[in-house]
Protein backbone atom coordinates (compact mmCIF):
# COMPACT_ATOMS: atom_id res chain seq x y z
CA MET A 1 -5.19 76.73 107.55
CA PRO A 2 -5.44 75.77 103.86
CA ARG A 3 -5.60 79.47 102.95
CA VAL A 4 -2.34 80.14 104.73
CA LEU A 5 -0.59 77.34 102.85
CA HIS A 6 -1.91 78.60 99.51
CA ARG A 7 -0.60 82.12 100.20
CA ALA A 8 2.86 80.80 101.21
CA MET A 9 3.09 78.72 98.04
CA ALA A 10 2.14 81.73 95.94
CA LEU A 11 4.84 83.93 97.53
CA LEU A 12 7.50 81.24 97.03
CA LEU A 13 6.62 80.83 93.35
CA ALA A 14 6.75 84.61 92.84
CA ALA A 15 10.21 84.81 94.42
CA LEU A 16 11.50 82.01 92.21
CA ALA A 17 10.16 83.76 89.12
CA VAL A 18 11.86 87.07 90.01
CA THR A 19 15.18 85.28 90.63
CA ALA A 20 15.03 83.48 87.27
CA LEU A 21 14.24 86.74 85.42
CA GLY A 22 17.22 88.54 86.99
CA THR A 23 19.56 85.73 86.06
CA CYS A 24 18.46 85.86 82.41
CA LEU A 25 18.93 89.62 82.20
CA ALA A 26 22.44 89.44 83.70
CA ALA A 27 23.51 86.79 81.20
CA GLN A 28 22.61 88.97 78.17
CA PRO A 29 25.43 91.35 76.87
CA ALA A 30 24.95 95.03 77.62
CA ARG A 31 23.84 97.19 74.73
CA SER A 32 25.27 100.64 74.19
CA VAL A 33 22.97 103.52 74.04
CA SER A 34 23.01 104.84 70.51
CA GLY A 35 20.65 106.82 68.42
CA PRO A 36 18.60 105.41 65.62
CA GLY A 37 20.66 104.61 62.51
CA GLU A 38 24.06 104.74 64.28
CA PRO A 39 26.27 101.63 63.85
CA LEU A 40 26.98 99.60 66.94
CA PRO A 41 30.63 99.63 68.23
CA PRO A 42 32.71 96.49 67.61
CA PRO A 43 32.59 93.92 70.34
CA VAL A 44 35.30 94.12 72.98
CA PRO A 45 37.77 91.21 72.67
CA THR A 46 37.75 88.83 75.54
CA HIS A 47 41.62 88.58 75.70
CA GLN A 48 44.55 90.85 74.81
CA PRO A 49 46.78 89.85 71.88
CA GLU A 50 50.32 88.79 72.73
CA PRO A 51 52.96 91.51 72.25
CA ILE A 52 55.06 91.21 69.16
CA ASP A 53 58.38 91.29 71.05
CA ALA A 54 57.38 88.63 73.56
CA PRO A 55 60.11 85.98 73.97
CA SER A 56 59.45 82.77 72.19
CA LEU A 57 60.29 79.31 73.35
CA PHE A 58 61.93 78.66 70.01
CA ALA A 59 64.11 81.84 69.96
CA PRO A 60 67.86 81.19 69.47
CA ASN A 61 70.09 81.24 72.56
CA PRO A 62 71.71 84.61 73.36
CA PRO A 63 75.40 84.90 72.48
CA GLU A 64 77.77 83.88 75.24
CA ALA A 65 79.69 86.65 77.02
CA VAL A 66 83.26 87.04 75.87
CA SER A 67 85.72 86.01 78.60
CA GLU A 68 87.91 88.70 80.14
CA PHE A 69 91.00 86.66 79.29
CA ALA A 70 91.70 84.73 76.13
CA ALA A 71 91.46 80.97 76.24
CA ALA A 72 94.74 79.20 76.87
CA GLU A 73 94.52 77.20 73.64
CA ASP A 74 94.04 80.42 71.64
CA CYS A 75 97.17 82.07 73.04
CA PRO A 76 100.55 80.84 71.78
CA ASP A 77 102.34 82.19 74.88
CA CYS A 78 100.17 80.33 77.42
CA TYR A 79 101.15 77.05 78.98
CA GLY A 80 98.93 74.69 80.94
CA ASP A 81 95.90 76.13 82.72
CA ALA A 82 97.46 79.50 83.52
CA ASP A 83 95.49 82.66 82.74
CA CYS A 84 96.44 84.31 79.49
CA TYR A 85 96.79 88.11 79.57
CA THR A 86 96.98 90.45 76.66
CA ASP A 87 99.77 93.01 76.56
CA ALA A 88 97.46 95.83 77.63
CA GLU A 89 95.97 93.81 80.51
CA TRP A 90 99.43 92.74 81.70
CA GLN A 91 100.69 96.33 81.68
CA MET A 92 97.58 97.51 83.55
CA ASN A 93 97.76 94.79 86.20
CA SER A 94 101.51 95.13 86.73
CA GLY A 95 101.15 98.93 86.90
CA GLU A 96 98.45 98.68 89.56
CA TRP A 97 100.56 96.21 91.55
CA LEU A 98 103.58 98.51 91.40
CA THR A 99 101.52 101.55 92.39
CA ASN A 100 99.92 99.75 95.33
CA SER A 101 103.29 98.41 96.47
CA LEU A 102 104.88 101.87 96.37
CA ALA A 103 101.91 103.32 98.27
CA ARG A 104 102.24 100.66 100.99
CA PHE A 105 106.00 101.20 101.21
CA HIS A 106 105.55 104.97 101.47
CA GLU A 107 102.94 104.55 104.21
CA PHE A 108 105.18 102.08 106.06
CA THR A 109 108.25 104.35 105.93
CA SER A 110 106.60 107.72 106.58
CA ARG A 111 104.76 107.22 109.85
CA ASN A 112 104.99 109.83 112.58
CA SER A 113 103.13 110.84 115.72
CA ALA A 114 101.04 113.46 113.94
CA THR A 115 99.57 111.01 111.40
CA HIS A 116 99.55 107.64 113.21
CA GLY A 117 99.34 108.47 116.90
CA ARG A 118 101.54 106.77 119.48
CA ALA A 119 101.59 103.23 118.10
CA THR A 120 100.39 101.17 115.17
CA GLY A 121 101.02 97.76 113.66
CA LEU A 122 101.51 94.41 115.38
CA GLY A 123 103.50 95.62 118.38
CA ARG A 124 102.01 95.69 121.88
CA PRO A 125 101.38 99.40 122.66
CA LEU A 126 102.77 100.57 125.98
CA ARG A 127 100.33 101.50 128.75
CA GLY A 128 101.22 103.78 131.64
CA THR A 129 104.62 104.64 130.18
CA SER A 130 106.33 105.55 126.92
CA TRP A 131 109.72 105.38 125.27
CA LEU A 132 109.59 109.18 125.03
CA ASN A 133 109.23 109.53 128.79
CA ARG A 134 112.94 108.66 128.81
CA PRO A 135 113.99 109.75 125.32
CA TYR A 136 117.75 109.32 125.78
CA GLU A 137 119.51 105.96 125.61
CA ALA A 138 122.90 104.42 126.22
CA SER A 139 123.77 100.81 125.45
CA LEU A 140 126.63 98.34 125.45
CA ASP A 141 126.59 95.88 122.55
CA PHE A 142 128.67 92.74 122.08
CA GLY A 143 128.79 90.32 119.18
CA ALA A 144 130.61 89.27 116.04
CA PHE A 145 132.45 91.21 113.33
CA LEU A 146 132.32 89.50 109.92
CA MET A 147 134.59 90.70 107.11
CA THR A 148 133.35 89.39 103.76
CA ASN A 149 136.31 90.33 101.50
CA HIS A 150 139.95 91.34 101.53
CA PRO A 151 140.78 94.76 102.94
CA ALA A 152 143.59 95.16 100.39
CA ALA A 153 145.43 93.19 97.73
CA GLY A 154 147.41 90.38 99.32
CA VAL A 155 145.81 90.93 102.75
CA GLN A 156 143.43 88.25 103.98
CA GLY A 157 140.23 89.24 105.76
CA ALA A 158 139.29 87.83 109.16
CA HIS A 159 136.38 87.59 111.58
CA ASP A 160 136.59 88.71 115.17
CA LYS A 161 134.67 89.79 118.25
CA PHE A 162 133.05 93.20 118.27
CA ALA A 163 132.08 95.64 121.03
CA ALA A 164 130.23 98.94 120.69
CA LEU A 165 128.97 101.84 122.79
CA THR A 166 125.88 103.65 121.48
CA LEU A 167 124.18 106.88 122.52
CA GLY A 168 120.79 107.87 121.12
CA TRP A 169 117.81 110.18 121.29
CA ASP A 170 114.22 109.32 120.34
CA TRP A 171 112.59 112.59 119.33
CA ASP A 172 109.38 111.00 118.00
CA HIS A 173 107.45 107.81 118.67
CA TYR A 174 108.63 106.61 115.24
CA TRP A 175 111.96 108.38 114.72
CA GLY A 176 115.26 108.86 116.49
CA THR A 177 119.03 109.26 116.03
CA GLN A 178 121.91 107.16 117.33
CA ALA A 179 125.69 107.53 117.47
CA ARG A 180 127.90 104.44 117.71
CA LEU A 181 131.54 103.78 118.53
CA GLY A 182 132.66 100.21 117.77
CA TRP A 183 135.97 98.40 118.05
CA SER A 184 137.38 95.11 116.77
CA THR A 185 140.84 93.55 116.39
CA PRO A 186 140.76 91.16 113.42
CA GLU A 187 144.05 89.50 112.55
CA LEU A 188 144.40 90.46 108.92
CA GLY A 189 146.95 87.98 107.60
CA ASN A 190 149.43 88.63 104.77
CA SER A 191 152.87 87.42 103.70
CA GLU A 192 154.51 89.56 106.40
CA GLY A 193 152.10 88.74 109.23
CA GLY A 194 150.91 91.28 111.83
CA SER A 195 147.95 92.16 114.08
CA ASP A 196 145.53 94.93 113.26
CA ASN A 197 142.88 97.25 114.70
CA LEU A 198 139.57 98.40 113.31
CA LEU A 199 137.45 101.26 114.66
CA LEU A 200 133.91 102.15 113.57
CA THR A 201 132.21 105.49 114.20
CA ASP A 202 128.87 106.48 112.69
CA LEU A 203 125.68 108.47 113.14
CA SER A 204 122.38 106.90 112.03
CA LEU A 205 118.74 107.80 111.60
CA MET A 206 116.46 105.35 113.43
CA TYR A 207 112.95 104.44 112.29
CA TYR A 208 110.48 102.46 114.43
CA PRO A 209 107.49 101.41 112.25
CA TRP A 210 105.39 100.17 115.21
CA GLY A 211 105.91 103.32 117.25
CA ASP A 212 105.49 103.29 121.03
CA SER A 213 105.24 99.52 121.51
CA ALA A 214 106.91 97.12 123.94
CA VAL A 215 108.28 95.08 121.02
CA ARG A 216 110.00 97.71 118.91
CA PRO A 217 111.58 96.67 115.59
CA TYR A 218 113.60 99.28 113.74
CA TRP A 219 115.84 99.94 110.83
CA ARG A 220 118.77 102.31 110.74
CA MET A 221 120.82 104.08 108.09
CA GLY A 222 123.52 106.69 108.35
CA MET A 223 127.12 107.59 107.60
CA GLY A 224 130.44 107.36 109.34
CA LEU A 225 134.09 106.30 109.12
CA THR A 226 135.97 103.01 109.33
CA ASP A 227 139.50 103.37 110.68
CA ILE A 228 141.40 100.28 109.54
CA GLU A 229 145.06 99.54 110.22
CA PHE A 230 146.99 96.69 108.59
CA THR A 231 150.35 95.70 107.11
CA ASN A 232 150.35 95.66 103.32
CA VAL A 233 152.17 93.24 101.04
CA ASN A 234 155.26 95.49 101.06
CA GLY A 235 155.58 95.16 104.81
CA VAL A 236 154.57 98.76 105.38
CA ARG A 237 152.12 99.63 108.11
CA GLN A 238 149.09 101.27 106.48
CA GLN A 239 146.17 103.11 108.07
CA GLU A 240 143.13 104.25 106.09
CA PHE A 241 139.93 106.10 106.94
CA LEU A 242 137.09 104.76 104.76
CA PHE A 243 133.79 106.54 104.32
CA THR A 244 131.15 104.13 105.65
CA ILE A 245 127.40 103.77 105.13
CA PRO A 246 125.84 101.63 107.87
CA PHE A 247 122.37 100.20 107.24
CA GLY A 248 120.62 97.41 109.06
CA VAL A 249 117.71 96.20 111.17
CA GLY A 250 117.19 95.42 114.81
CA MET A 251 114.65 95.01 117.59
CA LYS A 252 114.23 96.33 121.12
CA TYR A 253 112.14 94.85 123.92
CA GLN A 254 111.32 96.83 127.05
CA ILE A 255 111.86 94.83 130.25
CA ARG A 256 111.59 97.80 132.64
CA ARG A 257 110.50 101.35 132.14
CA TRP A 258 114.17 102.33 132.12
CA ALA A 259 115.73 99.24 130.50
CA ALA A 260 115.48 97.18 127.30
CA TRP A 261 117.20 94.35 125.46
CA LYS A 262 118.24 94.84 121.85
CA VAL A 263 119.55 92.75 118.95
CA GLU A 264 120.91 94.19 115.73
CA MET A 265 122.38 93.25 112.36
CA VAL A 266 124.18 95.98 110.38
CA ASP A 267 126.04 96.00 107.08
CA ASN A 268 128.85 98.57 107.34
CA LEU A 269 129.64 99.39 103.71
CA ALA A 270 133.16 100.87 103.68
CA LEU A 271 134.20 102.51 100.41
CA GLY A 272 137.78 101.74 99.36
CA VAL A 273 140.50 104.35 98.88
CA ASN A 274 144.34 104.42 98.51
CA GLY A 275 144.69 100.71 97.82
CA ALA A 276 142.11 99.62 100.39
CA ASN A 277 139.20 97.65 98.94
CA THR A 278 135.51 98.36 99.34
CA MET A 279 134.24 96.08 102.10
CA ASN A 280 130.93 94.83 103.48
CA ASN A 281 131.65 94.40 107.18
CA PHE A 282 128.72 92.84 109.04
CA THR A 283 128.16 93.25 112.77
CA LEU A 284 125.79 90.96 114.68
CA THR A 285 125.27 92.21 118.22
CA CYS A 286 123.13 91.85 121.33
CA GLY A 287 123.07 94.52 123.99
CA PHE A 288 121.53 96.07 127.07
CA GLU A 289 120.01 99.55 126.75
CA ALA A 290 119.41 101.98 129.61
CA ARG A 291 116.87 104.78 129.20
CA TYR A 292 117.10 108.11 130.95
CA GLY A 293 116.15 111.76 130.66
CA GLY A 294 112.56 111.62 131.95
CA ARG A 295 111.40 113.53 134.98
CA PRO A 296 108.66 112.52 137.44
CA GLY A 297 105.37 114.37 137.23
CA GLY A 298 104.69 117.08 139.79
CA TYR A 299 101.39 118.75 140.68
CA TRP A 300 101.10 122.20 142.17
CA ALA A 301 98.04 123.49 143.95
CA TRP A 302 97.47 126.33 141.52
CA GLN A 303 98.58 124.72 138.25
CA PRO A 304 99.03 121.00 137.49
CA ARG A 305 102.05 120.10 135.42
CA GLY A 306 104.12 117.06 134.54
CA TYR A 307 103.10 113.68 133.24
CA SER A 308 103.04 110.02 134.16
CA TRP A 309 106.32 108.22 133.71
């Protein structure tokens, strides 16, 4: 038993000695292998030097970015806190605004079925029917006739009731034409007195910016004639035919597939001639429109044809 203990103690001491020797050798720096008489290489630095262009804590602050617009206090034409624009910046910004506005206006006034489909905009597109299924229209309109100036020297203007019959044709979801025959009897007063008649006839181009929608705003512009009859200051009955340019806005609302309500405001610009003055005659009307011209769809056994209306 004592022999076994002595051998174990000897092995433990030997292991401790080997461990201590290895630790000492690892702690010593490695030597390069060089021949006799050759100089030893310089020792490797334990840390890298800082780069020359490294930012310093004491470096001056970078220059502030120049503002896009001049400060208000530096501009003699600025007031309050409003932005101050240079001449070049103002021309650039106003030019971009004008270009964008013209582009939007051109897009708004040049829509058609080939580029914008059946309907676009805020209107409620029709489903299961279309304005073009019955492209022809006839309407009776009633309202007011407003004469804004004198028809001739010494002849007072007057307001009166107005009635019109219109016939039209929608040949595109966004475009159509309309003919109108209107009649009014304003009492155009003068020193001699008298009652008078006024007849309007015109042909207009119709534009529907929302296309094939149940709510269908439009504007119209065309040309026509104003037949006005009155008694002049000399007591002579005078009748003139004035070239007229009607332009205005309106709205239609479909209540049935074949019927719609409409309201309209038109300025009938009548150009003066032969002593008659140029006049802006406004008409404010509301009417009932009937649609027709469509045909029901038919289907044949060998070839389907027709469409839903």
